[in-house]
Amino acid sequence: MVRRERATAGRSPAARSPERRNLESRERILHEIVREFDDFPAMRLTAAQVRRLFTLRPDVCQRVLTALCSDRLLDVGRDGRYGRRDR
């Protein structure tokens, strides 16, 4: 472990671990989900339903839903269902 720390010392974080996420793909998924909720404003889905509808891995789905809620595009109800935030 000490050897690894020495090998990465002085490098920027980006040099230590390359970005694994495809930002273009992430933006496409975000827009696709928002568009679907805009097309069906009364739709309320659980995270599992969103995951199946858009064929997302559980970790990706959770990050996307969290981002959309943080951006105030979706909200999550007490029942755990996500829906379009009133605008």
PDB file of N, CA and C in Angstrom:
ATOM      1  N   MET A   1       0.820  -1.184   0.000  1.00  0.00           N
ATOM      2  CA  MET A   1       0.000   0.000   0.000  1.00  0.00           C
ATOM      3  C   MET A   1       0.868   1.252   0.000  1.00  0.00           C
ATOM      4  N   VAL A   2       1.967   1.223   0.729  1.00  0.00           N
ATOM      5  CA  VAL A   2       2.882   2.360   0.770  1.00  0.00           C
ATOM      6  C   VAL A   2       3.460   2.603  -0.615  1.00  0.00           C
ATOM      7  N   ARG A   3       3.773   1.528  -1.316  1.00  0.00           N
ATOM      8  CA  ARG A   3       4.319   1.670  -2.671  1.00  0.00           C
ATOM      9  C   ARG A   3       3.336   2.376  -3.592  1.00  0.00           C
ATOM     10  N   ARG A   4       2.061   2.023  -3.488  1.00  0.00           N
ATOM     11  CA  ARG A   4       1.062   2.647  -4.348  1.00  0.00           C
ATOM     12  C   ARG A   4       0.937   4.136  -4.043  1.00  0.00           C
ATOM     13  N   GLU A   5       0.948   4.504  -2.778  1.00  0.00           N
ATOM     14  CA  GLU A   5       0.841   5.911  -2.409  1.00  0.00           C
ATOM     15  C   GLU A   5       2.025   6.693  -2.968  1.00  0.00           C
ATOM     16  N   ARG A   6       3.202   6.101  -2.909  1.00  0.00           N
ATOM     17  CA  ARG A   6       4.383   6.778  -3.460  1.00  0.00           C
ATOM     18  C   ARG A   6       4.282   6.911  -4.970  1.00  0.00           C
ATOM     19  N   ALA A   7       3.745   5.888  -5.617  1.00  0.00           N
ATOM     20  CA  ALA A   7       3.644   5.915  -7.078  1.00  0.00           C
ATOM     21  C   ALA A   7       2.666   6.981  -7.556  1.00  0.00           C
ATOM     22  N   THR A   8       1.644   7.283  -6.751  1.00  0.00           N
ATOM     23  CA  THR A   8       0.653   8.263  -7.179  1.00  0.00           C
ATOM     24  C   THR A   8       0.872   9.635  -6.568  1.00  0.00           C
ATOM     25  N   ALA A   9       1.832   9.766  -5.674  1.00  0.00           N
ATOM     26  CA  ALA A   9       2.093  11.055  -5.035  1.00  0.00           C
ATOM     27  C   ALA A   9       2.478  12.099  -6.068  1.00  0.00           C
ATOM     28  N   GLY A  10       1.906  13.284  -5.924  1.00  0.00           N
ATOM     29  CA  GLY A  10       2.249  14.381  -6.811  1.00  0.00           C
ATOM     30  C   GLY A  10       1.424  14.424  -8.088  1.00  0.00           C
ATOM     31  N   ARG A  11       0.673  13.386  -8.361  1.00  0.00           N
ATOM     32  CA  ARG A  11      -0.178  13.395  -9.556  1.00  0.00           C
ATOM     33  C   ARG A  11      -1.526  14.013  -9.219  1.00  0.00           C
ATOM     34  N   SER A  12      -2.152  14.586 -10.226  1.00  0.00           N
ATOM     35  CA  SER A  12      -3.483  15.132 -10.017  1.00  0.00           C
ATOM     36  C   SER A  12      -4.465  13.977  -9.880  1.00  0.00           C
ATOM     37  N   PRO A  13      -5.625  14.208  -9.231  1.00  0.00           N
ATOM     38  CA  PRO A  13      -6.610  13.146  -9.092  1.00  0.00           C
ATOM     39  C   PRO A  13      -7.038  12.565 -10.436  1.00  0.00           C
ATOM     40  N   ALA A  14      -7.133  13.400 -11.464  1.00  0.00           N
ATOM     41  CA  ALA A  14      -7.521  12.911 -12.790  1.00  0.00           C
ATOM     42  C   ALA A  14      -6.479  11.955 -13.346  1.00  0.00           C
ATOM     43  N   ALA A  15      -5.218  12.211 -13.064  1.00  0.00           N
ATOM     44  CA  ALA A  15      -4.155  11.335 -13.556  1.00  0.00           C
ATOM     45  C   ALA A  15      -4.171  10.002 -12.821  1.00  0.00           C
ATOM     46  N   ARG A  16      -4.607  10.012 -11.556  1.00  0.00           N
ATOM     47  CA  ARG A  16      -4.648   8.778 -10.777  1.00  0.00           C
ATOM     48  C   ARG A  16      -5.766   7.858 -11.213  1.00  0.00           C
ATOM     49  N   SER A  17      -6.946   8.415 -11.498  1.00  0.00           N
ATOM     50  CA  SER A  17      -8.080   7.580 -11.884  1.00  0.00           C
ATOM     51  C   SER A  17      -8.836   8.254 -13.016  1.00  0.00           C
ATOM     52  N   PRO A  18      -8.785   7.678 -14.196  1.00  0.00           N
ATOM     53  CA  PRO A  18      -9.480   8.274 -15.335  1.00  0.00           C
ATOM     54  C   PRO A  18     -10.994   8.240 -15.133  1.00  0.00           C
ATOM     55  N   GLU A  19     -11.676   9.206 -15.693  1.00  0.00           N
ATOM     56  CA  GLU A  19     -13.137   9.281 -15.602  1.00  0.00           C
ATOM     57  C   GLU A  19     -13.739   8.094 -16.325  1.00  0.00           C
ATOM     58  N   ARG A  20     -14.516   7.305 -15.594  1.00  0.00           N
ATOM     59  CA  ARG A  20     -15.121   6.113 -16.179  1.00  0.00           C
ATOM     60  C   ARG A  20     -16.507   6.401 -16.722  1.00  0.00           C
ATOM     61  N   ARG A  21     -17.100   7.462 -16.302  1.00  0.00           N
ATOM     62  CA  ARG A  21     -18.463   7.765 -16.728  1.00  0.00           C
ATOM     63  C   ARG A  21     -18.460   8.427 -18.088  1.00  0.00           C
ATOM     64  N   ASN A  22     -19.452   8.073 -18.876  1.00  0.00           N
ATOM     65  CA  ASN A  22     -19.642   8.684 -20.177  1.00  0.00           C
ATOM     66  C   ASN A  22     -20.644   9.823 -19.990  1.00  0.00           C
ATOM     67  N   LEU A  23     -20.149  11.047 -19.967  1.00  0.00           N
ATOM     68  CA  LEU A  23     -20.993  12.200 -19.671  1.00  0.00           C
ATOM     69  C   LEU A  23     -22.067  12.412 -20.733  1.00  0.00           C
ATOM     70  N   GLU A  24     -21.746  12.136 -21.981  1.00  0.00           N
ATOM     71  CA  GLU A  24     -22.722  12.277 -23.057  1.00  0.00           C
ATOM     72  C   GLU A  24     -23.881  11.292 -22.860  1.00  0.00           C
ATOM     73  N   SER A  25     -23.553  10.076 -22.501  1.00  0.00           N
ATOM     74  CA  SER A  25     -24.565   9.058 -22.249  1.00  0.00           C
ATOM     75  C   SER A  25     -25.421   9.443 -21.043  1.00  0.00           C
ATOM     76  N   ARG A  26     -24.788   9.973 -20.009  1.00  0.00           N
ATOM     77  CA  ARG A  26     -25.520  10.395 -18.810  1.00  0.00           C
ATOM     78  C   ARG A  26     -26.508  11.495 -19.141  1.00  0.00           C
ATOM     79  N   GLU A  27     -26.082  12.480 -19.919  1.00  0.00           N
ATOM     80  CA  GLU A  27     -26.974  13.572 -20.308  1.00  0.00           C
ATOM     81  C   GLU A  27     -28.139  13.051 -21.141  1.00  0.00           C
ATOM     82  N   ARG A  28     -27.876  12.103 -22.016  1.00  0.00           N
ATOM     83  CA  ARG A  28     -28.923  11.522 -22.849  1.00  0.00           C
ATOM     84  C   ARG A  28     -29.963  10.833 -21.967  1.00  0.00           C
ATOM     85  N   ILE A  29     -29.501  10.073 -20.984  1.00  0.00           N
ATOM     86  CA  ILE A  29     -30.406   9.382 -20.071  1.00  0.00           C
ATOM     87  C   ILE A  29     -31.229  10.385 -19.270  1.00  0.00           C
ATOM     88  N   LEU A  30     -30.587  11.429 -18.755  1.00  0.00           N
ATOM     89  CA  LEU A  30     -31.298  12.450 -17.992  1.00  0.00           C
ATOM     90  C   LEU A  30     -32.413  13.073 -18.822  1.00  0.00           C
ATOM     91  N   HIS A  31     -32.088  13.464 -20.053  1.00  0.00           N
ATOM     92  CA  HIS A  31     -33.083  14.098 -20.928  1.00  0.00           C
ATOM     93  C   HIS A  31     -34.205  13.129 -21.282  1.00  0.00           C
ATOM     94  N   GLU A  32     -33.860  11.881 -21.505  1.00  0.00           N
ATOM     95  CA  GLU A  32     -34.853  10.865 -21.845  1.00  0.00           C
ATOM     96  C   GLU A  32     -35.847  10.665 -20.695  1.00  0.00           C
ATOM     97  N   ILE A  33     -35.346  10.610 -19.480  1.00  0.00           N
ATOM     98  CA  ILE A  33     -36.211  10.419 -18.319  1.00  0.00           C
ATOM     99  C   ILE A  33     -37.102  11.643 -18.104  1.00  0.00           C
ATOM    100  N   VAL A  34     -36.529  12.829 -18.184  1.00  0.00           N
ATOM    101  CA  VAL A  34     -37.312  14.056 -18.012  1.00  0.00           C
ATOM    102  C   VAL A  34     -38.394  14.146 -19.087  1.00  0.00           C
ATOM    103  N   ARG A  35     -38.040  13.827 -20.314  1.00  0.00           N
ATOM    104  CA  ARG A  35     -39.003  13.875 -21.424  1.00  0.00           C
ATOM    105  C   ARG A  35     -40.180  12.917 -21.159  1.00  0.00           C
ATOM    106  N   GLU A  36     -39.879  11.731 -20.666  1.00  0.00           N
ATOM    107  CA  GLU A  36     -40.932  10.753 -20.377  1.00  0.00           C
ATOM    108  C   GLU A  36     -41.867  11.272 -19.285  1.00  0.00           C
ATOM    109  N   PHE A  37     -41.309  11.846 -18.227  1.00  0.00           N
ATOM    110  CA  PHE A  37     -42.141  12.400 -17.165  1.00  0.00           C
ATOM    111  C   PHE A  37     -42.914  13.627 -17.653  1.00  0.00           C
ATOM    112  N   ASP A  38     -42.352  14.408 -18.565  1.00  0.00           N
ATOM    113  CA  ASP A  38     -43.070  15.554 -19.137  1.00  0.00           C
ATOM    114  C   ASP A  38     -44.232  15.084 -20.007  1.00  0.00           C
ATOM    115  N   ASP A  39     -44.026  13.991 -20.743  1.00  0.00           N
ATOM    116  CA  ASP A  39     -45.081  13.452 -21.608  1.00  0.00           C
ATOM    117  C   ASP A  39     -46.237  12.874 -20.798  1.00  0.00           C
ATOM    118  N   PHE A  40     -45.940  12.382 -19.606  1.00  0.00           N
ATOM    119  CA  PHE A  40     -46.952  11.782 -18.734  1.00  0.00           C
ATOM    120  C   PHE A  40     -46.852  12.427 -17.342  1.00  0.00           C
ATOM    121  N   PRO A  41     -47.361  13.654 -17.207  1.00  0.00           N
ATOM    122  CA  PRO A  41     -47.169  14.425 -15.970  1.00  0.00           C
ATOM    123  C   PRO A  41     -47.688  13.748 -14.699  1.00  0.00           C
ATOM    124  N   ALA A  42     -48.701  12.919 -14.798  1.00  0.00           N
ATOM    125  CA  ALA A  42     -49.252  12.273 -13.610  1.00  0.00           C
ATOM    126  C   ALA A  42     -48.521  10.974 -13.256  1.00  0.00           C
ATOM    127  N   MET A  43     -47.555  10.579 -14.055  1.00  0.00           N
ATOM    128  CA  MET A  43     -46.847   9.315 -13.832  1.00  0.00           C
ATOM    129  C   MET A  43     -46.017   9.391 -12.554  1.00  0.00           C
ATOM    130  N   ARG A  44     -46.126   8.368 -11.727  1.00  0.00           N
ATOM    131  CA  ARG A  44     -45.330   8.241 -10.503  1.00  0.00           C
ATOM    132  C   ARG A  44     -44.744   6.840 -10.513  1.00  0.00           C
ATOM    133  N   LEU A  45     -43.418   6.738 -10.476  1.00  0.00           N
ATOM    134  CA  LEU A  45     -42.738   5.446 -10.570  1.00  0.00           C
ATOM    135  C   LEU A  45     -41.779   5.238  -9.408  1.00  0.00           C
ATOM    136  N   THR A  46     -41.631   3.997  -8.998  1.00  0.00           N
ATOM    137  CA  THR A  46     -40.610   3.656  -8.010  1.00  0.00           C
ATOM    138  C   THR A  46     -39.258   3.633  -8.720  1.00  0.00           C
ATOM    139  N   ALA A  47     -38.191   3.622  -7.955  1.00  0.00           N
ATOM    140  CA  ALA A  47     -36.851   3.541  -8.545  1.00  0.00           C
ATOM    141  C   ALA A  47     -36.718   2.252  -9.356  1.00  0.00           C
ATOM    142  N   ALA A  48     -37.283   1.158  -8.863  1.00  0.00           N
ATOM    143  CA  ALA A  48     -37.213  -0.116  -9.588  1.00  0.00           C
ATOM    144  C   ALA A  48     -37.932  -0.027 -10.929  1.00  0.00           C
ATOM    145  N   GLN A  49     -39.055   0.665 -10.977  1.00  0.00           N
ATOM    146  CA  GLN A  49     -39.780   0.833 -12.236  1.00  0.00           C
ATOM    147  C   GLN A  49     -39.008   1.699 -13.219  1.00  0.00           C
ATOM    148  N   VAL A  50     -38.393   2.767 -12.711  1.00  0.00           N
ATOM    149  CA  VAL A  50     -37.556   3.622 -13.569  1.00  0.00           C
ATOM    150  C   VAL A  50     -36.394   2.797 -14.115  1.00  0.00           C
ATOM    151  N   ARG A  51     -35.799   2.004 -13.257  1.00  0.00           N
ATOM    152  CA  ARG A  51     -34.664   1.171 -13.656  1.00  0.00           C
ATOM    153  C   ARG A  51     -35.059   0.223 -14.791  1.00  0.00           C
ATOM    154  N   ARG A  52     -36.211  -0.419 -14.677  1.00  0.00           N
ATOM    155  CA  ARG A  52     -36.655  -1.344 -15.724  1.00  0.00           C
ATOM    156  C   ARG A  52     -37.053  -0.610 -16.997  1.00  0.00           C
ATOM    157  N   LEU A  53     -37.764   0.507 -16.856  1.00  0.00           N
ATOM    158  CA  LEU A  53     -38.246   1.256 -18.017  1.00  0.00           C
ATOM    159  C   LEU A  53     -37.094   1.759 -18.883  1.00  0.00           C
ATOM    160  N   PHE A  54     -36.019   2.200 -18.243  1.00  0.00           N
ATOM    161  CA  PHE A  54     -34.899   2.774 -18.986  1.00  0.00           C
ATOM    162  C   PHE A  54     -33.684   1.851 -19.043  1.00  0.00           C
ATOM    163  N   THR A  55     -33.829   0.633 -18.576  1.00  0.00           N
ATOM    164  CA  THR A  55     -32.772  -0.385 -18.603  1.00  0.00           C
ATOM    165  C   THR A  55     -31.473   0.146 -17.993  1.00  0.00           C
ATOM    166  N   LEU A  56     -31.575   0.545 -16.721  1.00  0.00           N
ATOM    167  CA  LEU A  56     -30.429   1.109 -16.013  1.00  0.00           C
ATOM    168  C   LEU A  56     -29.962   0.154 -14.920  1.00  0.00           C
ATOM    169  N   ARG A  57     -28.676   0.190 -14.643  1.00  0.00           N
ATOM    170  CA  ARG A  57     -28.152  -0.532 -13.480  1.00  0.00           C
ATOM    171  C   ARG A  57     -28.667   0.174 -12.225  1.00  0.00           C
ATOM    172  N   PRO A  58     -28.822  -0.557 -11.122  1.00  0.00           N
ATOM    173  CA  PRO A  58     -29.342   0.072  -9.901  1.00  0.00           C
ATOM    174  C   PRO A  58     -28.540   1.292  -9.440  1.00  0.00           C
ATOM    175  N   ASP A  59     -27.217   1.221  -9.489  1.00  0.00           N
ATOM    176  CA  ASP A  59     -26.396   2.350  -9.037  1.00  0.00           C
ATOM    177  C   ASP A  59     -26.547   3.557  -9.960  1.00  0.00           C
ATOM    178  N   VAL A  60     -26.624   3.318 -11.250  1.00  0.00           N
ATOM    179  CA  VAL A  60     -26.793   4.410 -12.218  1.00  0.00           C
ATOM    180  C   VAL A  60     -28.166   5.042 -12.027  1.00  0.00           C
ATOM    181  N   CYS A  61     -29.183   4.206 -11.873  1.00  0.00           N
ATOM    182  CA  CYS A  61     -30.543   4.701 -11.685  1.00  0.00           C
ATOM    183  C   CYS A  61     -30.617   5.605 -10.460  1.00  0.00           C
ATOM    184  N   GLN A  62     -30.031   5.184  -9.372  1.00  0.00           N
ATOM    185  CA  GLN A  62     -30.088   5.987  -8.153  1.00  0.00           C
ATOM    186  C   GLN A  62     -29.372   7.322  -8.316  1.00  0.00           C
ATOM    187  N   ARG A  63     -28.206   7.310  -8.982  1.00  0.00           N
ATOM    188  CA  ARG A  63     -27.486   8.575  -9.222  1.00  0.00           C
ATOM    189  C   ARG A  63     -28.294   9.516 -10.102  1.00  0.00           C
ATOM    190  N   VAL A  64     -28.930   8.967 -11.137  1.00  0.00           N
ATOM    191  CA  VAL A  64     -29.720   9.783 -12.059  1.00  0.00           C
ATOM    192  C   VAL A  64     -30.934  10.369 -11.334  1.00  0.00           C
ATOM    193  N   LEU A  65     -31.641   9.549 -10.569  1.00  0.00           N
ATOM    194  CA  LEU A  65     -32.804  10.051  -9.844  1.00  0.00           C
ATOM    195  C   LEU A  65     -32.405  11.105  -8.816  1.00  0.00           C
ATOM    196  N   THR A  66     -31.305  10.893  -8.145  1.00  0.00           N
ATOM    197  CA  THR A  66     -30.812  11.879  -7.178  1.00  0.00           C
ATOM    198  C   THR A  66     -30.481  13.193  -7.876  1.00  0.00           C
ATOM    199  N   ALA A  67     -29.837  13.117  -9.032  1.00  0.00           N
ATOM    200  CA  ALA A  67     -29.490  14.325  -9.792  1.00  0.00           C
ATOM    201  C   ALA A  67     -30.740  15.063 -10.245  1.00  0.00           C
ATOM    202  N   LEU A  68     -31.742  14.334 -10.722  1.00  0.00           N
ATOM    203  CA  LEU A  68     -32.969  14.973 -11.194  1.00  0.00           C
ATOM    204  C   LEU A  68     -33.748  15.618 -10.048  1.00  0.00           C
ATOM    205  N   CYS A  69     -33.705  15.003  -8.882  1.00  0.00           N
ATOM    206  CA  CYS A  69     -34.354  15.611  -7.707  1.00  0.00           C
ATOM    207  C   CYS A  69     -33.565  16.839  -7.244  1.00  0.00           C
ATOM    208  N   SER A  70     -32.242  16.748  -7.272  1.00  0.00           N
ATOM    209  CA  SER A  70     -31.400  17.896  -6.878  1.00  0.00           C
ATOM    210  C   SER A  70     -31.608  19.079  -7.817  1.00  0.00           C
ATOM    211  N   ASP A  71     -31.817  18.771  -9.096  1.00  0.00           N
ATOM    212  CA  ASP A  71     -32.067  19.827 -10.093  1.00  0.00           C
ATOM    213  C   ASP A  71     -33.516  20.301 -10.075  1.00  0.00           C
ATOM    214  N   ARG A  72     -34.305  19.736  -9.158  1.00  0.00           N
ATOM    215  CA  ARG A  72     -35.703  20.106  -8.970  1.00  0.00           C
ATOM    216  C   ARG A  72     -36.557  19.834 -10.204  1.00  0.00           C
ATOM    217  N   LEU A  73     -36.218  18.782 -10.949  1.00  0.00           N
ATOM    218  CA  LEU A  73     -37.016  18.363 -12.096  1.00  0.00           C
ATOM    219  C   LEU A  73     -37.998  17.260 -11.698  1.00  0.00           C
ATOM    220  N   LEU A  74     -37.592  16.437 -10.747  1.00  0.00           N
ATOM    221  CA  LEU A  74     -38.452  15.398 -10.197  1.00  0.00           C
ATOM    222  C   LEU A  74     -38.503  15.568  -8.689  1.00  0.00           C
ATOM    223  N   ASP A  75     -39.531  14.975  -8.097  1.00  0.00           N
ATOM    224  CA  ASP A  75     -39.553  14.875  -6.647  1.00  0.00           C
ATOM    225  C   ASP A  75     -39.911  13.441  -6.286  1.00  0.00           C
ATOM    226  N   VAL A  76     -39.658  13.106  -5.044  1.00  0.00           N
ATOM    227  CA  VAL A  76     -39.975  11.764  -4.565  1.00  0.00           C
ATOM    228  C   VAL A  76     -40.982  11.907  -3.428  1.00  0.00           C
ATOM    229  N   GLY A  77     -42.057  11.140  -3.534  1.00  0.00           N
ATOM    230  CA  GLY A  77     -43.102  11.198  -2.525  1.00  0.00           C
ATOM    231  C   GLY A  77     -42.782  10.337  -1.315  1.00  0.00           C
ATOM    232  N   ARG A  78     -43.635  10.438  -0.334  1.00  0.00           N
ATOM    233  CA  ARG A  78     -43.466   9.627   0.877  1.00  0.00           C
ATOM    234  C   ARG A  78     -43.549   8.141   0.580  1.00  0.00           C
ATOM    235  N   ASP A  79     -44.243   7.814  -0.515  1.00  0.00           N
ATOM    236  CA  ASP A  79     -44.384   6.405  -0.896  1.00  0.00           C
ATOM    237  C   ASP A  79     -43.181   5.895  -1.698  1.00  0.00           C
ATOM    238  N   GLY A  80     -42.178   6.765  -1.916  1.00  0.00           N
ATOM    239  CA  GLY A  80     -40.970   6.359  -2.633  1.00  0.00           C
ATOM    240  C   GLY A  80     -41.106   6.427  -4.136  1.00  0.00           C
ATOM    241  N   ARG A  81     -42.197   6.986  -4.614  1.00  0.00           N
ATOM    242  CA  ARG A  81     -42.398   7.112  -6.070  1.00  0.00           C
ATOM    243  C   ARG A  81     -41.915   8.472  -6.559  1.00  0.00           C
ATOM    244  N   TYR A  82     -41.288   8.442  -7.710  1.00  0.00           N
ATOM    245  CA  TYR A  82     -40.758   9.652  -8.324  1.00  0.00           C
ATOM    246  C   TYR A  82     -41.763  10.175  -9.337  1.00  0.00           C
ATOM    247  N   GLY A  83     -41.854  11.483  -9.409  1.00  0.00           N
ATOM    248  CA  GLY A  83     -42.758  12.103 -10.370  1.00  0.00           C
ATOM    249  C   GLY A  83     -42.270  13.488 -10.732  1.00  0.00           C
ATOM    250  N   ARG A  84     -42.926  14.041 -11.725  1.00  0.00           N
ATOM    251  CA  ARG A  84     -42.575  15.372 -12.198  1.00  0.00           C
ATOM    252  C   ARG A  84     -42.904  16.392 -11.127  1.00  0.00           C
ATOM    253  N   ARG A  85     -41.957  17.268 -10.902  1.00  0.00           N
ATOM    254  CA  ARG A  85     -42.175  18.341  -9.944  1.00  0.00           C
ATOM    255  C   ARG A  85     -43.057  19.402 -10.622  1.00  0.00           C
ATOM    256  N   ASP A  86     -44.008  19.925  -9.867  1.00  0.00           N
ATOM    257  CA  ASP A  86     -44.851  20.997 -10.414  1.00  0.00           C
ATOM    258  C   ASP A  86     -43.981  22.191 -10.741  1.00  0.00           C
ATOM    259  N   ARG A  87     -44.159  22.692 -11.942  1.00  0.00           N
ATOM    260  CA  ARG A  87     -43.334  23.834 -12.382  1.00  0.00           C
ATOM    261  C   ARG A  87     -44.183  25.047 -12.602  1.00  0.00           C
TER     262      ARG A  87
END
